[in-house]
Amino acid sequence: IDWLHDDSDWLTPLATDALAQIGTEAVVEAVIEEYPLGDWGFRFSAAHLLGKIHSDAAIAVCLALPKVDRDPSVKTQWASSLLGHFTPRGIDPARELILAGADDRMLLDLREDVVAVAEVLDIDFPERHQWKDELEEERNRPRPFSPAFPASDYDWEDEDEYEDDEYEDNEAEDWED
């Protein structure tokens, strides 16, 4: 659990994977104990971790802890983790987050998760068909560097090459003054 407090790009994912593989209630309890002391990175990693531990205890925490966190990215990760459990109880909290505009769409579009879980569990909600249509439209929209947007035909070979020697000589002259 201590490694979730580390901000490294390689240690935290390793710790998350290891703790998820352990996956016991002791891991869930340790996350609960450490959560109030955690910085943003710990809270985000904890939310991600509990989405990988498939237990009733993890689901209960995924339902409870977003209520005490104010950060949109962390709340979005909690909602995604809860939806990853494919529990019907995850749909309404995620929908409310989206409808309130309190989710972090730069992190991920929760509508995808909500619609997918609703489809699998055959649960209907007022925005389901609209969101599904919007997501399909976004998926079909051409993206930069896709065949619909061919690469530029700019000929980079025509560029005058910058002479490194010329730069180094000028730099040396500046220092001599």
Protein backbone atom coordinates (compact mmCIF):
# COMPACT_ATOMS: atom_id res chain seq x y z
CA ILE A 1 0.00 0.00 0.00
CA ASP A 2 2.88 2.37 0.73
CA TRP A 3 3.94 2.16 -2.92
CA LEU A 4 0.63 3.75 -3.94
CA HIS A 5 1.90 6.89 -2.22
CA ASP A 6 4.88 6.94 -4.61
CA ASP A 7 4.55 9.24 -7.62
CA SER A 8 6.72 7.18 -9.94
CA ASP A 9 5.40 6.14 -13.32
CA TRP A 10 6.60 2.58 -12.92
CA LEU A 11 6.25 1.70 -9.22
CA THR A 12 2.61 2.67 -8.72
CA PRO A 13 1.26 0.50 -11.58
CA LEU A 14 3.33 -2.43 -10.31
CA ALA A 15 1.93 -1.95 -6.82
CA THR A 16 -1.60 -1.65 -8.17
CA ASP A 17 -1.27 -4.89 -10.15
CA ALA A 18 0.29 -6.75 -7.20
CA LEU A 19 -2.38 -5.57 -4.76
CA ALA A 20 -5.12 -6.46 -7.24
CA GLN A 21 -3.70 -9.97 -7.54
CA ILE A 22 -3.73 -10.30 -3.76
CA GLY A 23 -7.29 -8.97 -3.88
CA THR A 24 -8.26 -9.71 -0.29
CA GLU A 25 -10.45 -7.71 2.06
CA ALA A 26 -7.25 -6.79 3.91
CA VAL A 27 -6.15 -4.84 0.80
CA VAL A 28 -9.53 -3.09 0.63
CA GLU A 29 -9.33 -2.23 4.35
CA ALA A 30 -5.78 -0.88 3.94
CA VAL A 31 -6.96 1.40 1.13
CA ILE A 32 -9.79 2.69 3.34
CA GLU A 33 -7.35 3.32 6.18
CA GLU A 34 -4.84 5.19 4.02
CA TYR A 35 -7.33 7.10 1.86
CA PRO A 36 -7.78 10.18 4.10
CA LEU A 37 -3.98 10.60 4.26
CA GLY A 38 -3.42 10.19 0.53
CA ASP A 39 -2.52 12.83 -2.00
CA TRP A 40 -4.13 12.99 -5.44
CA GLY A 41 -1.93 10.24 -6.87
CA PHE A 42 -2.73 7.85 -4.05
CA ARG A 43 -6.47 8.52 -4.25
CA PHE A 44 -6.50 8.06 -8.02
CA SER A 45 -4.47 4.85 -7.79
CA ALA A 46 -6.71 3.56 -4.99
CA ALA A 47 -9.77 4.14 -7.15
CA HIS A 48 -8.12 2.30 -10.03
CA LEU A 49 -7.03 -0.55 -7.75
CA LEU A 50 -10.47 -1.17 -6.27
CA GLY A 51 -11.88 -1.48 -9.77
CA LYS A 52 -9.61 -4.52 -10.16
CA ILE A 53 -10.62 -6.22 -6.91
CA HIS A 54 -13.93 -7.91 -7.57
CA SER A 55 -15.61 -8.24 -4.20
CA ASP A 56 -18.61 -6.84 -2.37
CA ALA A 57 -16.25 -4.92 -0.09
CA ALA A 58 -14.56 -3.23 -3.07
CA ILE A 59 -17.95 -2.32 -4.56
CA ALA A 60 -19.05 -0.80 -1.24
CA VAL A 61 -15.91 1.34 -1.13
CA CYS A 62 -16.36 2.37 -4.78
CA LEU A 63 -19.82 3.59 -3.83
CA ALA A 64 -18.75 5.40 -0.64
CA LEU A 65 -15.39 7.09 -1.23
CA PRO A 66 -16.36 9.25 -4.24
CA LYS A 67 -18.79 11.04 -1.94
CA VAL A 68 -15.89 12.38 0.14
CA ASP A 69 -13.54 13.26 -2.71
CA ARG A 70 -13.88 16.57 -4.52
CA ASP A 71 -11.49 16.03 -7.42
CA PRO A 72 -13.26 15.41 -10.76
CA SER A 73 -10.54 13.07 -12.05
CA VAL A 74 -10.63 10.92 -8.93
CA LYS A 75 -14.44 10.88 -8.93
CA THR A 76 -14.39 9.84 -12.59
CA GLN A 77 -11.97 7.02 -11.84
CA TRP A 78 -14.17 5.84 -8.94
CA ALA A 79 -17.20 5.78 -11.23
CA SER A 80 -15.29 3.89 -13.91
CA SER A 81 -14.02 1.37 -11.36
CA LEU A 82 -17.51 0.84 -10.00
CA LEU A 83 -18.88 0.31 -13.50
CA GLY A 84 -16.06 -2.16 -14.12
CA HIS A 85 -17.69 -4.39 -11.51
CA PHE A 86 -20.78 -4.59 -13.76
CA THR A 87 -23.09 -3.85 -10.87
CA PRO A 88 -26.38 -2.10 -11.56
CA ARG A 89 -25.58 0.10 -8.54
CA GLY A 90 -22.84 1.79 -10.58
CA ILE A 91 -25.05 3.26 -13.27
CA ASP A 92 -26.89 5.95 -11.30
CA PRO A 93 -23.84 7.44 -9.52
CA ALA A 94 -21.97 7.64 -12.83
CA ARG A 95 -24.97 9.15 -14.62
CA GLU A 96 -25.35 11.76 -11.88
CA LEU A 97 -21.67 12.66 -12.15
CA ILE A 98 -21.99 13.10 -15.93
CA LEU A 99 -25.25 15.04 -15.79
CA ALA A 100 -23.86 17.39 -13.13
CA GLY A 101 -20.82 18.03 -15.35
CA ALA A 102 -18.60 16.89 -12.47
CA ASP A 103 -16.79 14.18 -14.45
CA ASP A 104 -13.41 14.59 -16.13
CA ARG A 105 -13.94 13.98 -19.85
CA MET A 106 -10.27 14.65 -20.53
CA LEU A 107 -9.53 11.53 -18.48
CA LEU A 108 -12.24 9.36 -19.98
CA ASP A 109 -15.76 9.60 -21.28
CA LEU A 110 -17.86 7.86 -18.63
CA ARG A 111 -20.79 7.69 -21.02
CA GLU A 112 -19.00 4.82 -22.77
CA ASP A 113 -18.79 2.80 -19.56
CA VAL A 114 -22.34 3.63 -18.49
CA VAL A 115 -23.83 2.70 -21.86
CA ALA A 116 -21.76 -0.50 -22.10
CA VAL A 117 -22.77 -1.71 -18.63
CA ALA A 118 -26.40 -0.76 -19.24
CA GLU A 119 -26.36 -2.70 -22.53
CA VAL A 120 -24.88 -5.82 -20.93
CA LEU A 121 -27.21 -5.69 -17.91
CA ASP A 122 -30.20 -4.60 -20.03
CA ILE A 123 -30.88 -1.55 -17.87
CA ASP A 124 -32.60 1.44 -19.39
CA PHE A 125 -32.22 5.05 -18.31
CA PRO A 126 -33.40 8.28 -19.95
CA GLU A 127 -30.10 9.22 -21.66
CA ARG A 128 -29.07 5.73 -22.76
CA HIS A 129 -30.11 5.89 -26.42
CA GLN A 130 -29.00 9.49 -26.86
CA TRP A 131 -25.57 8.78 -25.37
CA LYS A 132 -25.23 5.61 -27.44
CA ASP A 133 -25.99 7.57 -30.63
CA GLU A 134 -23.59 10.38 -29.67
CA LEU A 135 -20.80 7.90 -28.91
CA GLU A 136 -21.36 6.11 -32.21
CA GLU A 137 -21.25 9.44 -34.06
CA GLU A 138 -18.01 10.39 -32.28
CA ARG A 139 -16.48 7.00 -33.13
CA ASN A 140 -17.31 7.50 -36.81
CA ARG A 141 -15.98 11.06 -36.95
CA PRO A 142 -12.70 11.24 -38.90
CA ARG A 143 -9.63 11.69 -36.73
CA PRO A 144 -6.42 13.50 -37.61
CA PHE A 145 -3.88 11.18 -39.23
CA SER A 146 -6.62 8.80 -40.29
CA PRO A 147 -7.27 7.94 -43.96
CA ALA A 148 -9.88 10.71 -44.01
CA PHE A 149 -7.08 13.15 -43.07
CA PRO A 150 -4.11 12.14 -45.28
CA ALA A 151 -0.66 13.12 -44.15
CA SER A 152 0.59 16.42 -45.42
CA ASP A 153 2.31 16.34 -48.79
CA TYR A 154 4.84 18.88 -47.53
CA ASP A 155 8.29 17.97 -48.79
CA TRP A 156 10.59 18.11 -45.81
CA GLU A 157 13.59 17.42 -48.05
CA ASP A 158 13.30 20.95 -49.47
CA GLU A 159 14.05 22.45 -46.07
CA ASP A 160 17.40 24.09 -45.69
CA GLU A 161 19.32 22.08 -43.21
CA TYR A 162 20.49 24.03 -40.23
CA GLU A 163 24.23 23.97 -39.99
CA ASP A 164 25.23 22.78 -36.52
CA ASP A 165 28.83 23.94 -37.07
CA GLU A 166 27.63 27.45 -37.83
CA TYR A 167 25.63 27.53 -34.58
CA GLU A 168 28.53 26.23 -32.53
CA ASP A 169 30.89 28.86 -33.99
CA ASN A 170 28.46 31.66 -33.15
CA GLU A 171 28.01 30.33 -29.67
CA ALA A 172 31.76 30.20 -29.10
CA GLU A 173 32.14 33.79 -30.30
CA ASP A 174 29.44 34.96 -27.86
CA TRP A 175 31.33 33.45 -24.94
CA GLU A 176 34.64 34.99 -25.91
CA ASP A 177 33.37 38.57 -25.55
